[in-house]
Amino acid sequence: MTNPKRTQGKGLAAKARKAAPKVKAARLAKSGMTTRLKGHLTVNMKRAQARRDARQQQARGTT
């Protein structure tokens, strides 16, 4: 007969091993968020600058 205290930790270790790839994947997805957000911000800034430039050109009367 086996001691239940000895086998108890084995299930936890197995669960931890299964969870490790999920944690890593979540970490990678989270780190990619900053890159994707920066991409959106730069695009928004470029569009805003293009709108300002277009308004300025209209005010000058050039196309």
C-alpha atoms as a PDB file:
ATOM      1  CA  MET A   1       0.000   0.000   0.000  1.00  0.00           C
ATOM      2  CA  THR A   2       1.339   3.430  -0.922  1.00  0.00           C
ATOM      3  CA  ASN A   3       1.376   6.443   1.288  1.00  0.00           C
ATOM      4  CA  PRO A   4      -1.159   9.015  -0.021  1.00  0.00           C
ATOM      5  CA  LYS A   5       1.110  11.883   1.044  1.00  0.00           C
ATOM      6  CA  ARG A   6       3.861  10.642  -1.272  1.00  0.00           C
ATOM      7  CA  THR A   7       1.653  10.416  -4.365  1.00  0.00           C
ATOM      8  CA  GLN A   8      -0.081  13.710  -3.738  1.00  0.00           C
ATOM      9  CA  GLY A   9       2.811  15.849  -5.002  1.00  0.00           C
ATOM     10  CA  LYS A  10       3.197  13.892  -8.251  1.00  0.00           C
ATOM     11  CA  GLY A  11      -0.141  15.075  -9.581  1.00  0.00           C
ATOM     12  CA  LEU A  12       0.757  18.670  -8.807  1.00  0.00           C
ATOM     13  CA  ALA A  13       4.093  18.338 -10.587  1.00  0.00           C
ATOM     14  CA  ALA A  14       2.370  16.933 -13.664  1.00  0.00           C
ATOM     15  CA  LYS A  15      -0.129  19.773 -13.644  1.00  0.00           C
ATOM     16  CA  ALA A  16       2.705  22.270 -13.323  1.00  0.00           C
ATOM     17  CA  ARG A  17       4.471  20.713 -16.317  1.00  0.00           C
ATOM     18  CA  LYS A  18       1.289  20.955 -18.382  1.00  0.00           C
ATOM     19  CA  ALA A  19       0.744  24.568 -17.330  1.00  0.00           C
ATOM     20  CA  ALA A  20       4.286  25.683 -18.176  1.00  0.00           C
ATOM     21  CA  PRO A  21       3.772  25.922 -21.986  1.00  0.00           C
ATOM     22  CA  LYS A  22       0.512  27.802 -21.440  1.00  0.00           C
ATOM     23  CA  VAL A  23       2.245  30.296 -19.184  1.00  0.00           C
ATOM     24  CA  LYS A  24       5.025  30.784 -21.706  1.00  0.00           C
ATOM     25  CA  ALA A  25       2.547  31.246 -24.544  1.00  0.00           C
ATOM     26  CA  ALA A  26       0.609  33.792 -22.500  1.00  0.00           C
ATOM     27  CA  ARG A  27       3.822  35.655 -21.730  1.00  0.00           C
ATOM     28  CA  LEU A  28       4.760  35.764 -25.417  1.00  0.00           C
ATOM     29  CA  ALA A  29       1.289  36.951 -26.381  1.00  0.00           C
ATOM     30  CA  LYS A  30       1.459  39.660 -23.729  1.00  0.00           C
ATOM     31  CA  SER A  31       4.911  40.812 -24.856  1.00  0.00           C
ATOM     32  CA  GLY A  32       3.631  41.050 -28.410  1.00  0.00           C
ATOM     33  CA  MET A  33       0.834  43.340 -27.249  1.00  0.00           C
ATOM     34  CA  THR A  34       3.233  46.234 -26.714  1.00  0.00           C
ATOM     35  CA  THR A  35       4.613  45.836 -30.218  1.00  0.00           C
ATOM     36  CA  ARG A  36       1.157  45.719 -31.739  1.00  0.00           C
ATOM     37  CA  LEU A  37       0.016  48.723 -29.726  1.00  0.00           C
ATOM     38  CA  LYS A  38       3.076  50.691 -30.810  1.00  0.00           C
ATOM     39  CA  GLY A  39       2.200  49.888 -34.407  1.00  0.00           C
ATOM     40  CA  HIS A  40      -1.288  51.274 -33.949  1.00  0.00           C
ATOM     41  CA  LEU A  41       0.039  54.397 -32.271  1.00  0.00           C
ATOM     42  CA  THR A  42       2.541  55.149 -35.006  1.00  0.00           C
ATOM     43  CA  VAL A  43      -0.120  54.693 -37.686  1.00  0.00           C
ATOM     44  CA  ASN A  44      -2.467  57.040 -35.820  1.00  0.00           C
ATOM     45  CA  MET A  45       0.312  59.620 -35.509  1.00  0.00           C
ATOM     46  CA  LYS A  46       1.107  59.375 -39.211  1.00  0.00           C
ATOM     47  CA  ARG A  47      -2.542  59.846 -40.136  1.00  0.00           C
ATOM     48  CA  ALA A  48      -2.876  62.846 -37.836  1.00  0.00           C
ATOM     49  CA  GLN A  49       0.232  64.415 -39.348  1.00  0.00           C
ATOM     50  CA  ALA A  50      -1.082  63.766 -42.852  1.00  0.00           C
ATOM     51  CA  ARG A  51      -4.358  65.521 -41.925  1.00  0.00           C
ATOM     52  CA  ARG A  52      -2.418  68.514 -40.593  1.00  0.00           C
ATOM     53  CA  ASP A  53      -0.270  68.627 -43.727  1.00  0.00           C
ATOM     54  CA  ALA A  54      -3.354  68.434 -45.959  1.00  0.00           C
ATOM     55  CA  ARG A  55      -5.024  71.293 -44.072  1.00  0.00           C
ATOM     56  CA  GLN A  56      -1.872  73.377 -44.299  1.00  0.00           C
ATOM     57  CA  GLN A  57      -1.615  72.787 -48.045  1.00  0.00           C
ATOM     58  CA  GLN A  58      -5.262  73.779 -48.504  1.00  0.00           C
ATOM     59  CA  ALA A  59      -4.665  76.982 -46.574  1.00  0.00           C
ATOM     60  CA  ARG A  60      -1.728  77.814 -48.868  1.00  0.00           C
ATOM     61  CA  GLY A  61      -3.811  77.058 -51.921  1.00  0.00           C
ATOM     62  CA  THR A  62      -1.497  74.389 -53.287  1.00  0.00           C
ATOM     63  CA  THR A  63      -2.428  70.827 -54.088  1.00  0.00           C
END
